[in-house]
Amino acid sequence: MTEAVEPVPVDNGSHGVPRVAGAALAVVFDAMTRLRHGKPIHPRGIVARAVVKRTGSTYGRWGVPWLDEPGTDVGIVRFSRAAGLPAPVPDVLGLALRLGTLAHTTTYCSPRPACVRAGDTC
């Protein structure tokens, strides 16, 4: 009777690159978190009321009622710059959208003492 032997995976060093990159990013984000008091990216933004009007599926069904059926949803939208650099400097733009009942009652608090509500700048 012979035993099944599991092949030993060969590590050709390719796994080291993602590990080192992940560790480097962790150091960068940790430093940014400390400097910005908890917000490593997208530290500031504009918060506004949002209305999403859905037309429903026109070219077939997805099987998800929220996508398939027309409707209107109210919520909160926040636009921000990833690094928080001044406007003339290129930066990655961010858009966060919260829809539904939580969007009506949520107070968005920043690490700063003042809380941010819909329509405020944070």
N, C-alpha and C. Protein backbone atom coordinates (compact mmCIF):
# COMPACT_ATOMS: atom_id res chain seq x y z
N MET A 1 0.84 -1.17 0.00
CA MET A 1 0.00 0.00 0.00
C MET A 1 0.89 1.24 0.00
N THR A 2 0.56 2.19 -0.88
CA THR A 2 1.35 3.41 -0.95
C THR A 2 0.57 4.56 -0.33
N GLU A 3 1.29 5.49 0.25
CA GLU A 3 0.68 6.65 0.87
C GLU A 3 0.70 7.82 -0.10
N ALA A 4 -0.37 8.61 -0.05
CA ALA A 4 -0.40 9.81 -0.87
C ALA A 4 0.48 10.87 -0.22
N VAL A 5 1.34 11.44 -0.99
CA VAL A 5 2.25 12.47 -0.49
C VAL A 5 1.85 13.81 -1.08
N GLU A 6 1.67 14.79 -0.20
CA GLU A 6 1.33 16.13 -0.65
C GLU A 6 2.57 16.79 -1.23
N PRO A 7 2.45 17.41 -2.41
CA PRO A 7 3.62 18.10 -2.96
C PRO A 7 3.96 19.33 -2.10
N VAL A 8 5.22 19.57 -1.94
CA VAL A 8 5.69 20.72 -1.17
C VAL A 8 5.73 21.92 -2.11
N PRO A 9 5.02 23.02 -1.73
CA PRO A 9 5.04 24.19 -2.61
C PRO A 9 6.44 24.79 -2.67
N VAL A 10 6.82 25.18 -3.86
CA VAL A 10 8.12 25.79 -4.06
C VAL A 10 7.96 27.30 -3.95
N ASP A 11 8.76 27.93 -3.09
CA ASP A 11 8.72 29.37 -2.94
C ASP A 11 9.84 29.96 -3.80
N ASN A 12 9.46 30.54 -4.92
CA ASN A 12 10.47 31.12 -5.81
C ASN A 12 10.74 32.59 -5.50
N GLY A 13 10.27 33.04 -4.33
CA GLY A 13 10.50 34.42 -3.93
C GLY A 13 9.41 35.38 -4.36
N SER A 14 8.45 34.91 -5.13
CA SER A 14 7.41 35.81 -5.63
C SER A 14 6.47 36.26 -4.52
N HIS A 15 6.36 35.50 -3.45
CA HIS A 15 5.47 35.88 -2.35
C HIS A 15 6.09 36.98 -1.48
N GLY A 16 7.37 37.17 -1.58
CA GLY A 16 8.05 38.17 -0.77
C GLY A 16 7.71 39.59 -1.17
N VAL A 17 7.48 39.81 -2.46
CA VAL A 17 7.19 41.16 -2.96
C VAL A 17 5.89 41.70 -2.38
N PRO A 18 4.77 40.98 -2.48
CA PRO A 18 3.53 41.50 -1.89
C PRO A 18 3.65 41.69 -0.38
N ARG A 19 4.36 40.79 0.29
CA ARG A 19 4.52 40.90 1.74
C ARG A 19 5.28 42.18 2.10
N VAL A 20 6.36 42.47 1.39
CA VAL A 20 7.15 43.67 1.65
C VAL A 20 6.35 44.92 1.30
N ALA A 21 5.62 44.89 0.17
CA ALA A 21 4.80 46.04 -0.22
C ALA A 21 3.70 46.30 0.81
N GLY A 22 3.08 45.25 1.31
CA GLY A 22 2.05 45.39 2.34
C GLY A 22 2.60 45.96 3.62
N ALA A 23 3.78 45.50 4.01
CA ALA A 23 4.41 46.03 5.23
C ALA A 23 4.77 47.50 5.06
N ALA A 24 5.27 47.87 3.88
CA ALA A 24 5.62 49.27 3.63
C ALA A 24 4.38 50.16 3.67
N LEU A 25 3.28 49.70 3.05
CA LEU A 25 2.04 50.47 3.08
C LEU A 25 1.50 50.59 4.50
N ALA A 26 1.64 49.54 5.30
CA ALA A 26 1.19 49.59 6.68
C ALA A 26 1.94 50.67 7.46
N VAL A 27 3.24 50.79 7.23
CA VAL A 27 4.04 51.82 7.90
C VAL A 27 3.59 53.21 7.46
N VAL A 28 3.37 53.39 6.16
CA VAL A 28 2.94 54.70 5.64
C VAL A 28 1.57 55.08 6.21
N PHE A 29 0.60 54.15 6.16
CA PHE A 29 -0.74 54.45 6.65
C PHE A 29 -0.75 54.67 8.16
N ASP A 30 0.08 53.94 8.90
CA ASP A 30 0.17 54.15 10.34
C ASP A 30 0.69 55.56 10.65
N ALA A 31 1.72 55.98 9.91
CA ALA A 31 2.26 57.34 10.11
C ALA A 31 1.22 58.40 9.76
N MET A 32 0.50 58.19 8.64
CA MET A 32 -0.53 59.16 8.24
C MET A 32 -1.67 59.21 9.27
N THR A 33 -2.02 58.05 9.82
CA THR A 33 -3.07 58.00 10.83
C THR A 33 -2.67 58.80 12.06
N ARG A 34 -1.43 58.66 12.48
CA ARG A 34 -0.95 59.41 13.65
C ARG A 34 -0.93 60.92 13.37
N LEU A 35 -0.46 61.30 12.19
CA LEU A 35 -0.38 62.73 11.85
C LEU A 35 -1.75 63.37 11.70
N ARG A 36 -2.70 62.61 11.17
CA ARG A 36 -4.03 63.16 10.88
C ARG A 36 -5.07 62.75 11.92
N HIS A 37 -4.63 62.24 13.02
CA HIS A 37 -5.51 61.88 14.14
C HIS A 37 -6.63 60.94 13.72
N GLY A 38 -6.29 59.86 13.05
CA GLY A 38 -7.26 58.82 12.74
C GLY A 38 -7.78 58.78 11.31
N LYS A 39 -7.46 59.73 10.46
CA LYS A 39 -7.95 59.74 9.08
C LYS A 39 -6.75 59.70 8.13
N PRO A 40 -6.24 58.52 7.77
CA PRO A 40 -5.05 58.47 6.92
C PRO A 40 -5.29 58.98 5.50
N ILE A 41 -6.47 58.72 4.94
CA ILE A 41 -6.77 59.22 3.60
C ILE A 41 -8.15 59.87 3.62
N HIS A 42 -8.40 60.70 2.66
CA HIS A 42 -9.66 61.46 2.54
C HIS A 42 -9.97 62.20 3.84
N PRO A 43 -9.02 63.03 4.33
CA PRO A 43 -9.21 63.69 5.62
C PRO A 43 -10.28 64.77 5.62
N ARG A 44 -10.52 65.40 4.48
CA ARG A 44 -11.51 66.47 4.40
C ARG A 44 -12.39 66.24 3.18
N GLY A 45 -13.61 66.77 3.25
CA GLY A 45 -14.50 66.62 2.11
C GLY A 45 -15.73 67.48 2.26
N ILE A 46 -16.59 67.41 1.30
CA ILE A 46 -17.85 68.15 1.31
C ILE A 46 -18.98 67.14 1.42
N VAL A 47 -19.88 67.34 2.38
CA VAL A 47 -21.01 66.45 2.60
C VAL A 47 -22.27 67.16 2.12
N ALA A 48 -23.11 66.44 1.38
CA ALA A 48 -24.34 67.03 0.85
C ALA A 48 -25.45 65.98 0.80
N ARG A 49 -26.67 66.45 0.66
CA ARG A 49 -27.83 65.57 0.49
C ARG A 49 -27.75 64.96 -0.91
N ALA A 50 -28.15 63.71 -1.03
CA ALA A 50 -28.11 63.02 -2.32
C ALA A 50 -29.48 62.45 -2.65
N VAL A 51 -29.83 62.48 -3.92
CA VAL A 51 -31.04 61.83 -4.41
C VAL A 51 -30.63 60.97 -5.60
N VAL A 52 -30.90 59.67 -5.52
CA VAL A 52 -30.58 58.74 -6.60
C VAL A 52 -31.90 58.30 -7.22
N LYS A 53 -32.06 58.58 -8.51
CA LYS A 53 -33.26 58.15 -9.23
C LYS A 53 -32.90 56.95 -10.09
N ARG A 54 -33.50 55.82 -9.77
CA ARG A 54 -33.23 54.58 -10.51
C ARG A 54 -34.29 54.36 -11.57
N THR A 55 -33.86 54.02 -12.77
CA THR A 55 -34.80 53.77 -13.87
C THR A 55 -35.20 52.30 -13.96
N GLY A 56 -34.50 51.44 -13.28
CA GLY A 56 -34.77 50.01 -13.37
C GLY A 56 -34.04 49.41 -14.55
N SER A 57 -34.06 48.10 -14.63
CA SER A 57 -33.38 47.39 -15.72
C SER A 57 -34.13 47.58 -17.02
N THR A 58 -33.40 47.90 -18.07
CA THR A 58 -34.03 48.06 -19.38
C THR A 58 -33.59 46.97 -20.35
N TYR A 59 -32.48 46.32 -20.08
CA TYR A 59 -31.96 45.29 -20.99
C TYR A 59 -31.92 43.92 -20.36
N GLY A 60 -32.87 43.63 -19.50
CA GLY A 60 -32.90 42.33 -18.83
C GLY A 60 -32.89 42.51 -17.32
N ARG A 61 -33.13 41.43 -16.63
CA ARG A 61 -33.21 41.46 -15.18
C ARG A 61 -31.89 41.03 -14.56
N TRP A 62 -31.53 41.65 -13.44
CA TRP A 62 -30.34 41.29 -12.67
C TRP A 62 -30.69 40.30 -11.57
N GLY A 63 -31.96 40.26 -11.19
CA GLY A 63 -32.36 39.42 -10.07
C GLY A 63 -32.22 40.13 -8.74
N VAL A 64 -31.96 41.42 -8.77
CA VAL A 64 -31.84 42.23 -7.56
C VAL A 64 -32.89 43.34 -7.66
N PRO A 65 -33.90 43.33 -6.78
CA PRO A 65 -34.97 44.31 -6.91
C PRO A 65 -34.49 45.76 -6.95
N TRP A 66 -33.48 46.11 -6.17
CA TRP A 66 -32.99 47.50 -6.14
C TRP A 66 -32.47 47.91 -7.52
N LEU A 67 -31.91 46.99 -8.28
CA LEU A 67 -31.42 47.30 -9.63
C LEU A 67 -32.52 47.16 -10.68
N ASP A 68 -33.40 46.20 -10.50
CA ASP A 68 -34.41 45.89 -11.51
C ASP A 68 -35.60 46.84 -11.52
N GLU A 69 -35.96 47.39 -10.37
CA GLU A 69 -37.17 48.20 -10.26
C GLU A 69 -36.83 49.69 -10.18
N PRO A 70 -37.64 50.54 -10.80
CA PRO A 70 -37.41 51.98 -10.69
C PRO A 70 -37.72 52.46 -9.27
N GLY A 71 -37.10 53.55 -8.89
CA GLY A 71 -37.35 54.11 -7.57
C GLY A 71 -36.48 55.32 -7.32
N THR A 72 -36.70 55.93 -6.17
CA THR A 72 -35.92 57.09 -5.75
C THR A 72 -35.41 56.84 -4.34
N ASP A 73 -34.15 57.09 -4.11
CA ASP A 73 -33.54 56.92 -2.79
C ASP A 73 -32.89 58.23 -2.37
N VAL A 74 -33.05 58.58 -1.11
CA VAL A 74 -32.46 59.79 -0.56
C VAL A 74 -31.34 59.38 0.37
N GLY A 75 -30.27 60.16 0.39
CA GLY A 75 -29.16 59.83 1.26
C GLY A 75 -28.17 60.96 1.41
N ILE A 76 -26.94 60.59 1.68
CA ILE A 76 -25.84 61.53 1.91
C ILE A 76 -24.72 61.18 0.94
N VAL A 77 -24.05 62.20 0.38
CA VAL A 77 -22.90 62.00 -0.48
C VAL A 77 -21.74 62.82 0.08
N ARG A 78 -20.54 62.29 -0.04
CA ARG A 78 -19.34 63.01 0.41
C ARG A 78 -18.29 62.95 -0.69
N PHE A 79 -17.83 64.12 -1.12
CA PHE A 79 -16.75 64.24 -2.09
C PHE A 79 -15.49 64.61 -1.33
N SER A 80 -14.36 63.98 -1.69
CA SER A 80 -13.12 64.28 -0.99
C SER A 80 -11.92 64.03 -1.90
N ARG A 81 -10.78 64.53 -1.46
CA ARG A 81 -9.50 64.31 -2.14
C ARG A 81 -8.71 63.34 -1.27
N ALA A 82 -8.14 62.30 -1.88
CA ALA A 82 -7.50 61.22 -1.13
C ALA A 82 -6.41 61.69 -0.18
N ALA A 83 -5.46 62.43 -0.67
CA ALA A 83 -4.34 62.85 0.17
C ALA A 83 -4.63 64.15 0.89
N GLY A 84 -5.69 64.83 0.51
CA GLY A 84 -6.01 66.09 1.14
C GLY A 84 -5.08 67.21 0.75
N LEU A 85 -4.48 67.09 -0.42
CA LEU A 85 -3.54 68.12 -0.90
C LEU A 85 -4.30 69.36 -1.37
N PRO A 86 -3.63 70.50 -1.43
CA PRO A 86 -4.31 71.72 -1.93
C PRO A 86 -4.83 71.52 -3.36
N ALA A 87 -5.87 72.24 -3.71
CA ALA A 87 -6.56 72.10 -5.00
C ALA A 87 -5.67 72.11 -6.24
N PRO A 88 -4.64 72.93 -6.37
CA PRO A 88 -3.88 72.90 -7.62
C PRO A 88 -3.08 71.60 -7.81
N VAL A 89 -2.82 70.88 -6.73
CA VAL A 89 -2.01 69.65 -6.81
C VAL A 89 -2.93 68.49 -7.20
N PRO A 90 -2.53 67.67 -8.18
CA PRO A 90 -3.36 66.51 -8.56
C PRO A 90 -3.55 65.55 -7.38
N ASP A 91 -4.73 65.00 -7.27
CA ASP A 91 -5.05 64.06 -6.20
C ASP A 91 -6.14 63.13 -6.69
N VAL A 92 -6.28 61.98 -6.06
CA VAL A 92 -7.34 61.04 -6.38
C VAL A 92 -8.62 61.52 -5.71
N LEU A 93 -9.71 61.59 -6.47
CA LEU A 93 -10.98 62.04 -5.92
C LEU A 93 -11.77 60.86 -5.38
N GLY A 94 -12.50 61.11 -4.30
CA GLY A 94 -13.32 60.07 -3.71
C GLY A 94 -14.77 60.49 -3.65
N LEU A 95 -15.66 59.52 -3.76
CA LEU A 95 -17.09 59.76 -3.64
C LEU A 95 -17.65 58.64 -2.77
N ALA A 96 -18.27 59.01 -1.66
CA ALA A 96 -18.91 58.03 -0.78
C ALA A 96 -20.40 58.34 -0.78
N LEU A 97 -21.22 57.30 -0.87
CA LEU A 97 -22.66 57.48 -0.94
C LEU A 97 -23.32 56.58 0.08
N ARG A 98 -24.19 57.15 0.91
CA ARG A 98 -24.96 56.37 1.87
C ARG A 98 -26.43 56.64 1.61
N LEU A 99 -27.17 55.58 1.35
CA LEU A 99 -28.60 55.71 1.05
C LEU A 99 -29.41 55.02 2.12
N GLY A 100 -30.65 55.44 2.28
CA GLY A 100 -31.57 54.75 3.18
C GLY A 100 -31.79 55.48 4.48
N THR A 101 -32.39 54.78 5.43
CA THR A 101 -32.80 55.40 6.69
C THR A 101 -31.62 55.86 7.53
N LEU A 102 -30.51 55.16 7.50
CA LEU A 102 -29.35 55.60 8.28
C LEU A 102 -28.83 56.94 7.81
N ALA A 103 -28.96 57.22 6.53
CA ALA A 103 -28.46 58.48 5.99
C ALA A 103 -29.23 59.67 6.55
N HIS A 104 -30.49 59.47 6.95
CA HIS A 104 -31.30 60.57 7.48
C HIS A 104 -30.95 60.89 8.93
N THR A 105 -30.52 59.89 9.68
CA THR A 105 -30.32 60.09 11.11
C THR A 105 -28.87 60.12 11.53
N THR A 106 -27.97 59.82 10.62
CA THR A 106 -26.56 59.72 10.98
C THR A 106 -25.92 61.09 11.10
N THR A 107 -25.15 61.27 12.16
CA THR A 107 -24.29 62.43 12.30
C THR A 107 -22.88 61.94 12.02
N TYR A 108 -22.22 62.55 11.07
CA TYR A 108 -20.88 62.12 10.68
C TYR A 108 -19.88 62.88 11.52
N CYS A 109 -19.16 62.18 12.36
CA CYS A 109 -18.20 62.82 13.24
C CYS A 109 -16.79 62.63 12.69
N SER A 110 -16.05 63.70 12.73
CA SER A 110 -14.66 63.65 12.31
C SER A 110 -13.80 63.54 13.56
N PRO A 111 -12.50 63.30 13.41
CA PRO A 111 -11.64 63.24 14.58
C PRO A 111 -11.55 64.59 15.29
N ARG A 112 -11.94 65.65 14.60
CA ARG A 112 -11.94 66.96 15.24
C ARG A 112 -13.14 67.05 16.17
N PRO A 113 -13.15 67.98 17.10
CA PRO A 113 -14.26 68.07 18.06
C PRO A 113 -15.61 68.34 17.43
N ALA A 114 -15.66 69.08 16.33
CA ALA A 114 -16.95 69.44 15.74
C ALA A 114 -17.48 68.29 14.90
N CYS A 115 -18.77 68.02 15.01
CA CYS A 115 -19.39 66.98 14.20
C CYS A 115 -19.84 67.58 12.87
N VAL A 116 -19.91 66.74 11.86
CA VAL A 116 -20.28 67.19 10.52
C VAL A 116 -21.62 66.59 10.16
N ARG A 117 -22.56 67.43 9.76
CA ARG A 117 -23.87 66.97 9.33
C ARG A 117 -24.01 67.29 7.84
N ALA A 118 -25.04 66.77 7.24
CA ALA A 118 -25.29 67.00 5.81
C ALA A 118 -25.27 68.49 5.52
N GLY A 119 -24.55 68.90 4.50
CA GLY A 119 -24.45 70.28 4.11
C GLY A 119 -23.23 70.99 4.68
N ASP A 120 -22.55 70.38 5.64
CA ASP A 120 -21.36 70.99 6.23
C ASP A 120 -20.13 70.57 5.46
N THR A 121 -19.06 71.31 5.65
CA THR A 121 -17.77 70.95 5.09
C THR A 121 -16.93 70.33 6.20
N CYS A 122 -16.26 69.23 5.88
CA CYS A 122 -15.44 68.60 6.92
C CYS A 122 -14.01 68.47 6.46
